[in-house]
Amino acid sequence: MLFRRNKQPKRELALGIDLGSSQIKAVVVRPQREKMELVECATRTLPHELARSHKEPEFSAEIQQLVEGLKTSERHAFVTISCGSAMVCQTEFPPVPLAEIKSALKLNSSGYLRRDFSSYYLDVFELQRGNEAAKGKEAAKTKVLVGGAQKEEVDALRDALVAAKVKPVVIELAAVSVINAFQVGNPGLQDEVVVLVDIGARMTSINFLMDGMPLITRIMHFGGAQLSDYISQILLLQPHEAEEEKRKMSEPVQKLVRTAISPLAREIRSSIDFFERQNERHVRQIFACGGSASSPALLTVLGESVGAQIECWNPVQNLDVSRLNGEKEQVFALGPTLAAAIGVAAARLS
């Protein structure tokens, strides 16, 4: 959705890298006849000083160690990022080629998006092509998804990848990558509106999907790190101690999490209410991925605050993991955190 090389050769496997704010992950996927295969994966938790600022050359060293932990020699990577300036929105254009829409946004983003994004890399994905023969102006509009991030942030991440001897073929937003992963793993969900919530360390995306296609995408600057920070402040704990308490989720900590997670719960609830009023359709299911989604107790607290059941979505369960042998259980446990990395790679092979 942001940066891509123009020519992409056909690949027998794909390396996907997720540059998160607290963890970086890599997966290698391969297309199979029935379902895609997860060949291998690796994760690294960033040192606390790198979690808020991806400094060079330390961040490049972390990326290099991540990919060197893989058996594959592939270094052309499909990369997904979570950064503070990330934005995703929908808008409408006359039914013209995407190249013209991109040019129009580049020249006058504020005219179309009501905000100046001249310092951003922007990319456009077509959601619905307008029919010029249809009656009425609205029917002739093309609906598009626009994603972007500040050039300064994207360039810094790209430079870190290159310094780590990784060649980025595509760089896109994690909010888009998780949709890709959901499309690949859930082809049977038709005519149903589902909500996919990706809870990252410092950013959460809320995606309304129908037939796997996004209807609404919202990005909220809130994640698991804010929960840990709140626990740390109230209980006077070190960051690693707060993380451990969050994993245990004792009854006193659950009460703290319920308070700390309320902004996210309100955003999910208000987004659902807005969608259902505007579209006269009901949300049938809510799925969650990301690191926080690995905690059943946390999802229970979030679901109670939202007023709806939230189910953990694990993209690994839709992949062939037979090659991983003794690592299956460990990789399955990591599954909710691998959604973006799987999505950015699998979308180029499906």
Protein backbone atom coordinates (compact mmCIF):
# COMPACT_ATOMS: atom_id res chain seq x y z
CA MET A 1 0.00 0.00 0.00
CA LEU A 2 2.98 2.36 0.24
CA PHE A 3 6.07 1.39 -1.67
CA ARG A 4 6.66 -1.35 -4.20
CA ARG A 5 9.06 -2.25 -6.96
CA ASN A 6 7.37 -2.16 -10.36
CA LYS A 7 8.49 -5.58 -11.60
CA GLN A 8 7.95 -8.59 -9.36
CA PRO A 9 9.04 -12.02 -10.64
CA LYS A 10 6.90 -15.06 -9.98
CA ARG A 11 7.98 -16.61 -6.68
CA GLU A 12 7.83 -20.11 -5.28
CA LEU A 13 7.93 -18.75 -1.74
CA ALA A 14 7.64 -15.38 -0.05
CA LEU A 15 9.41 -13.81 2.90
CA GLY A 16 7.14 -11.58 4.98
CA ILE A 17 8.54 -9.23 7.63
CA ASP A 18 6.45 -7.33 10.18
CA LEU A 19 8.25 -4.35 11.71
CA GLY A 20 6.19 -3.83 14.84
CA SER A 21 6.84 -1.33 17.58
CA SER A 22 7.78 -3.91 20.22
CA GLN A 23 8.40 -7.08 18.21
CA ILE A 24 9.62 -7.84 14.70
CA LYS A 25 8.54 -11.05 13.00
CA ALA A 26 9.42 -12.94 9.85
CA VAL A 27 7.59 -15.75 8.08
CA VAL A 28 8.29 -17.79 4.98
CA VAL A 29 5.21 -19.07 3.14
CA ARG A 30 4.83 -21.27 0.09
CA PRO A 31 1.74 -21.82 -2.11
CA GLN A 32 0.23 -25.31 -2.08
CA ARG A 33 -2.66 -26.84 -3.97
CA GLU A 34 -5.16 -26.82 -1.10
CA LYS A 35 -3.81 -24.32 1.40
CA MET A 36 -0.70 -22.24 1.87
CA GLU A 37 2.26 -23.66 3.75
CA LEU A 38 4.08 -21.92 6.58
CA VAL A 39 7.66 -23.04 6.01
CA GLU A 40 9.28 -21.25 8.96
CA CYS A 41 8.98 -18.20 11.18
CA ALA A 42 11.04 -16.16 13.63
CA THR A 43 10.36 -13.36 16.12
CA ARG A 44 12.48 -10.93 18.09
CA THR A 45 11.39 -8.75 21.00
CA LEU A 46 12.98 -5.35 20.65
CA PRO A 47 14.97 -3.87 23.55
CA HIS A 48 12.93 -1.33 25.47
CA GLU A 49 14.94 1.61 24.08
CA LEU A 50 14.11 0.54 20.50
CA ALA A 51 10.41 -0.06 21.12
CA ARG A 52 9.61 3.66 20.96
CA SER A 53 12.30 4.78 18.52
CA HIS A 54 13.76 2.56 15.79
CA LYS A 55 17.28 3.94 15.99
CA GLU A 56 19.98 3.13 13.50
CA PRO A 57 22.19 1.10 13.53
CA GLU A 58 20.74 -0.87 16.46
CA PHE A 59 17.41 -1.46 14.71
CA SER A 60 19.14 -2.72 11.55
CA ALA A 61 21.12 -5.16 13.67
CA GLU A 62 17.87 -6.52 15.13
CA ILE A 63 16.41 -7.02 11.64
CA GLN A 64 19.59 -8.72 10.46
CA GLN A 65 19.55 -11.12 13.40
CA LEU A 66 15.88 -11.86 12.73
CA VAL A 67 16.41 -12.92 9.10
CA GLU A 68 19.65 -14.72 9.87
CA GLY A 69 17.64 -16.95 12.18
CA LEU A 70 15.78 -18.28 9.14
CA LYS A 71 16.99 -21.20 7.07
CA THR A 72 15.93 -19.57 3.80
CA SER A 73 18.48 -17.53 1.88
CA GLU A 74 15.73 -15.33 0.40
CA ARG A 75 16.33 -11.65 1.16
CA HIS A 76 13.74 -10.04 -1.10
CA ALA A 77 11.02 -9.31 1.44
CA PHE A 78 7.42 -8.18 1.56
CA VAL A 79 7.31 -5.83 4.54
CA THR A 80 4.47 -4.57 6.71
CA ILE A 81 4.84 -1.71 9.19
CA SER A 82 3.10 -0.15 12.17
CA CYS A 83 4.10 3.49 12.56
CA GLY A 84 2.71 6.49 14.36
CA SER A 85 1.73 8.38 11.21
CA ALA A 86 -0.19 5.49 9.59
CA MET A 87 -3.59 6.36 8.14
CA VAL A 88 -6.26 4.44 6.25
CA CYS A 89 -9.47 5.92 4.87
CA GLN A 90 -12.04 5.41 2.14
CA THR A 91 -13.13 7.88 -0.47
CA GLU A 92 -14.81 8.04 -3.87
CA PHE A 93 -13.61 9.08 -7.32
CA PRO A 94 -15.09 9.13 -10.80
CA PRO A 95 -14.49 5.80 -12.60
CA VAL A 96 -10.98 6.58 -13.86
CA PRO A 97 -7.80 4.43 -13.86
CA LEU A 98 -6.04 4.01 -10.49
CA ALA A 99 -2.96 5.75 -11.86
CA GLU A 100 -5.02 8.92 -12.34
CA ILE A 101 -6.46 8.64 -8.82
CA LYS A 102 -2.95 8.33 -7.38
CA SER A 103 -1.80 11.36 -9.36
CA ALA A 104 -4.78 13.39 -8.17
CA LEU A 105 -4.07 12.53 -4.53
CA LYS A 106 -0.40 13.37 -4.96
CA LEU A 107 -1.25 16.79 -6.37
CA ASN A 108 -4.16 17.67 -4.09
CA SER A 109 -4.63 15.29 -1.19
CA SER A 110 -6.41 17.88 0.95
CA GLY A 111 -9.06 18.38 -1.74
CA TYR A 112 -10.01 14.71 -1.73
CA LEU A 113 -9.16 13.58 1.82
CA ARG A 114 -9.83 16.84 3.72
CA ARG A 115 -6.28 16.87 5.03
CA ASP A 116 -2.87 17.70 3.57
CA PHE A 117 -0.93 14.47 3.05
CA SER A 118 1.81 15.96 0.85
CA SER A 119 4.45 14.64 3.29
CA TYR A 120 3.04 11.11 3.02
CA TYR A 121 3.52 8.16 0.75
CA LEU A 122 0.00 7.28 -0.39
CA ASP A 123 -1.30 4.20 -2.16
CA VAL A 124 -4.75 3.30 -3.42
CA PHE A 125 -6.66 0.03 -3.62
CA GLU A 126 -9.87 -0.22 -5.58
CA LEU A 127 -12.82 -1.55 -3.57
CA GLN A 128 -15.66 -1.10 -6.05
CA ARG A 129 -15.58 0.09 -9.63
CA GLY A 130 -18.30 2.56 -10.55
CA ASN A 131 -20.65 1.80 -13.43
CA GLU A 132 -20.83 4.74 -15.80
CA ALA A 133 -23.97 3.32 -17.41
CA ALA A 134 -25.77 3.17 -14.08
CA LYS A 135 -28.34 5.80 -13.19
CA GLY A 136 -27.36 8.53 -10.78
CA LYS A 137 -24.03 10.09 -9.91
CA GLU A 138 -23.44 7.92 -6.83
CA ALA A 139 -23.63 4.73 -8.88
CA ALA A 140 -20.86 5.99 -11.15
CA LYS A 141 -18.37 6.53 -8.32
CA THR A 142 -15.39 4.27 -7.70
CA LYS A 143 -14.80 3.47 -4.02
CA VAL A 144 -11.15 3.24 -3.04
CA LEU A 145 -9.13 2.50 0.08
CA VAL A 146 -6.32 4.99 0.65
CA GLY A 147 -3.43 4.10 2.95
CA GLY A 148 -0.34 6.06 3.81
CA ALA A 149 2.40 7.03 6.22
CA GLN A 150 4.86 9.88 6.48
CA LYS A 151 7.72 9.64 4.01
CA GLU A 152 10.27 10.29 6.75
CA GLU A 153 9.11 7.27 8.76
CA VAL A 154 8.85 4.95 5.76
CA ASP A 155 12.25 6.00 4.41
CA ALA A 156 13.88 5.40 7.81
CA LEU A 157 12.44 1.87 7.97
CA ARG A 158 13.45 1.16 4.39
CA ASP A 159 17.00 2.36 5.12
CA ALA A 160 17.13 0.06 8.16
CA LEU A 161 16.06 -2.89 6.01
CA VAL A 162 18.67 -2.15 3.35
CA ALA A 163 21.38 -1.79 6.01
CA ALA A 164 20.32 -5.23 7.27
CA LYS A 165 20.86 -6.57 3.72
CA VAL A 166 17.13 -7.06 3.17
CA LYS A 167 15.64 -5.86 -0.13
CA PRO A 168 12.07 -4.60 0.40
CA VAL A 169 9.86 -5.45 -2.59
CA VAL A 170 6.71 -4.07 -0.97
CA ILE A 171 6.13 -1.95 2.12
CA GLU A 172 2.54 -1.73 3.32
CA LEU A 173 0.59 -0.94 6.48
CA ALA A 174 -0.14 -3.67 9.02
CA ALA A 175 -3.80 -2.58 9.01
CA VAL A 176 -3.95 -3.70 5.36
CA SER A 177 -1.81 -6.82 5.81
CA VAL A 178 -4.11 -8.38 8.41
CA ILE A 179 -7.01 -7.99 5.97
CA ASN A 180 -4.93 -9.86 3.37
CA ALA A 181 -4.32 -12.68 5.85
CA PHE A 182 -8.01 -12.88 6.71
CA GLN A 183 -8.98 -13.04 3.03
CA VAL A 184 -6.56 -15.91 2.42
CA GLY A 185 -7.65 -17.89 5.47
CA ASN A 186 -11.41 -17.32 5.40
CA PRO A 187 -12.69 -17.59 1.82
CA GLY A 188 -16.00 -19.07 2.97
CA LEU A 189 -17.32 -16.04 4.88
CA GLN A 190 -19.78 -14.61 2.36
CA ASP A 191 -22.51 -12.03 2.85
CA GLU A 192 -21.47 -11.72 6.50
CA VAL A 193 -20.16 -8.59 8.16
CA VAL A 194 -17.33 -9.36 10.56
CA VAL A 195 -15.06 -7.09 12.56
CA LEU A 196 -11.35 -7.86 12.64
CA VAL A 197 -9.45 -6.10 15.44
CA ASP A 198 -5.65 -6.21 15.29
CA ILE A 199 -4.30 -5.19 18.71
CA GLY A 200 -0.65 -4.32 18.33
CA ALA A 201 1.77 -2.95 20.89
CA ARG A 202 0.90 0.71 20.35
CA MET A 203 -1.64 0.68 17.53
CA THR A 204 -4.94 -1.07 16.90
CA SER A 205 -6.79 -1.36 13.61
CA ILE A 206 -10.54 -1.99 13.51
CA ASN A 207 -11.66 -3.44 10.18
CA PHE A 208 -15.24 -4.08 9.07
CA LEU A 209 -15.19 -6.75 6.37
CA MET A 210 -17.79 -8.26 4.07
CA ASP A 211 -16.81 -11.07 1.70
CA GLY A 212 -13.29 -10.39 2.96
CA MET A 213 -13.32 -6.83 1.60
CA PRO A 214 -12.94 -3.80 3.90
CA LEU A 215 -15.98 -1.62 4.39
CA ILE A 216 -14.52 0.59 7.13
CA THR A 217 -10.99 0.69 8.53
CA ARG A 218 -10.07 2.71 11.60
CA ILE A 219 -6.67 3.05 13.25
CA MET A 220 -6.39 3.87 16.95
CA HIS A 221 -3.13 4.75 18.67
CA PHE A 222 -3.67 2.34 21.52
CA GLY A 223 -2.32 -1.14 22.18
CA GLY A 224 -0.95 -3.68 24.59
CA ALA A 225 1.91 -1.39 25.62
CA GLN A 226 -0.54 1.11 27.09
CA LEU A 227 -2.05 -1.63 29.22
CA SER A 228 1.40 -2.62 30.49
CA ASP A 229 2.31 1.02 31.15
CA TYR A 230 -0.84 1.48 33.22
CA ILE A 231 -0.16 -1.67 35.26
CA SER A 232 3.43 -0.52 35.76
CA GLN A 233 2.35 2.92 37.01
CA ILE A 234 -0.35 1.69 39.39
CA LEU A 235 1.60 -1.24 40.85
CA LEU A 236 5.01 0.50 40.69
CA LEU A 237 6.56 -2.27 38.58
CA GLN A 238 9.36 -2.38 36.05
CA PRO A 239 8.21 -2.76 32.40
CA HIS A 240 9.12 -6.47 32.20
CA GLU A 241 7.36 -7.11 35.53
CA ALA A 242 4.21 -5.38 34.28
CA GLU A 243 4.28 -7.53 31.12
CA GLU A 244 4.48 -10.65 33.26
CA GLU A 245 1.55 -9.54 35.42
CA LYS A 246 -0.48 -8.83 32.27
CA ARG A 247 0.21 -12.36 31.04
CA LYS A 248 -0.89 -13.87 34.38
CA MET A 249 -4.04 -11.69 34.48
CA SER A 250 -4.83 -12.22 38.16
CA GLU A 251 -8.15 -10.82 39.39
CA PRO A 252 -6.66 -7.51 40.68
CA VAL A 253 -4.80 -7.03 37.36
CA GLN A 254 -8.00 -7.78 35.42
CA LYS A 255 -9.63 -4.83 37.19
CA LEU A 256 -6.75 -2.59 36.13
CA VAL A 257 -6.92 -3.89 32.55
CA ARG A 258 -10.68 -3.26 32.46
CA THR A 259 -10.04 0.39 33.30
CA ALA A 260 -7.08 0.79 30.97
CA ILE A 261 -8.75 -0.91 28.01
CA SER A 262 -11.93 1.16 28.18
CA PRO A 263 -10.85 3.65 25.41
CA LEU A 264 -10.41 0.74 22.98
CA ALA A 265 -13.69 -0.85 24.05
CA ARG A 266 -15.56 2.44 23.53
CA GLU A 267 -14.02 2.86 20.07
CA ILE A 268 -15.00 -0.67 19.00
CA ARG A 269 -18.53 -0.27 20.39
CA SER A 270 -19.08 3.16 18.82
CA SER A 271 -17.68 1.93 15.49
CA ILE A 272 -20.10 -1.02 15.48
CA ASP A 273 -23.05 1.20 16.39
CA PHE A 274 -22.12 3.70 13.66
CA PHE A 275 -21.72 0.97 11.04
CA GLU A 276 -25.00 -0.73 11.87
CA ARG A 277 -26.93 2.56 11.78
CA GLN A 278 -25.39 3.66 8.49
CA ASN A 279 -25.65 0.33 6.68
CA GLU A 280 -28.66 -1.35 8.32
CA ARG A 281 -26.63 -4.55 8.67
CA HIS A 282 -25.64 -6.39 11.83
CA VAL A 283 -22.12 -7.41 12.75
CA ARG A 284 -22.15 -11.20 13.13
CA GLN A 285 -18.71 -11.89 14.57
CA ILE A 286 -15.76 -10.05 16.09
CA PHE A 287 -12.29 -11.52 15.70
CA ALA A 288 -9.08 -10.28 17.30
CA CYS A 289 -5.44 -10.88 16.42
CA GLY A 290 -2.16 -9.36 17.60
CA GLY A 291 -0.18 -10.05 20.74
CA SER A 292 -2.97 -9.16 23.17
CA ALA A 293 -5.37 -11.52 21.40
CA SER A 294 -3.28 -14.45 22.67
CA SER A 295 -4.68 -13.84 26.17
CA PRO A 296 -8.17 -15.39 26.61
CA ALA A 297 -8.65 -13.46 29.85
CA LEU A 298 -7.86 -10.14 28.17
CA LEU A 299 -10.29 -10.85 25.32
CA THR A 300 -12.96 -11.75 27.87
CA VAL A 301 -12.47 -8.41 29.63
CA LEU A 302 -12.52 -6.54 26.30
CA GLY A 303 -15.61 -8.41 25.10
CA GLU A 304 -17.51 -7.67 28.31
CA SER A 305 -16.62 -3.98 27.96
CA VAL A 306 -17.72 -3.94 24.30
CA GLY A 307 -20.87 -5.93 25.04
CA ALA A 308 -20.13 -8.68 22.50
CA GLN A 309 -18.10 -11.86 22.35
CA ILE A 310 -14.64 -11.43 20.82
CA GLU A 311 -12.96 -14.53 19.44
CA CYS A 312 -9.22 -14.94 18.99
CA TRP A 313 -8.33 -15.35 15.31
CA ASN A 314 -5.24 -17.42 14.64
CA PRO A 315 -4.11 -17.30 10.97
CA VAL A 316 -1.72 -20.22 11.47
CA GLN A 317 -4.67 -22.62 11.82
CA ASN A 318 -5.45 -22.01 8.14
CA LEU A 319 -1.93 -22.94 6.99
CA ASP A 320 -0.10 -26.19 6.43
CA VAL A 321 2.49 -26.42 9.24
CA SER A 322 3.56 -30.04 8.69
CA ARG A 323 7.11 -28.94 7.81
CA LEU A 324 7.57 -27.42 11.28
CA ASN A 325 7.47 -30.81 13.04
CA GLY A 326 8.27 -30.33 16.74
CA GLU A 327 7.75 -26.55 16.57
CA LYS A 328 4.04 -26.72 15.70
CA GLU A 329 2.76 -26.01 19.21
CA GLN A 330 5.09 -23.05 19.70
CA VAL A 331 4.26 -21.55 16.29
CA PHE A 332 0.54 -22.03 16.84
CA ALA A 333 0.83 -20.11 20.12
CA LEU A 334 2.53 -17.28 18.22
CA GLY A 335 -0.13 -17.35 15.51
CA PRO A 336 -2.20 -14.26 16.45
CA THR A 337 0.98 -12.13 16.43
CA LEU A 338 1.98 -13.35 12.95
CA ALA A 339 -1.16 -12.16 11.12
CA ALA A 340 0.40 -9.11 9.46
CA ALA A 341 3.58 -10.92 8.40
CA ILE A 342 1.55 -13.81 6.96
CA GLY A 343 -0.82 -11.41 5.21
CA VAL A 344 1.82 -9.32 3.47
CA ALA A 345 3.55 -12.45 2.12
CA ALA A 346 0.56 -14.67 1.36
CA ALA A 347 -1.25 -11.95 -0.59
CA ARG A 348 1.56 -12.01 -3.15
CA LEU A 349 1.26 -15.76 -3.68
CA SER A 350 -2.50 -16.37 -3.48
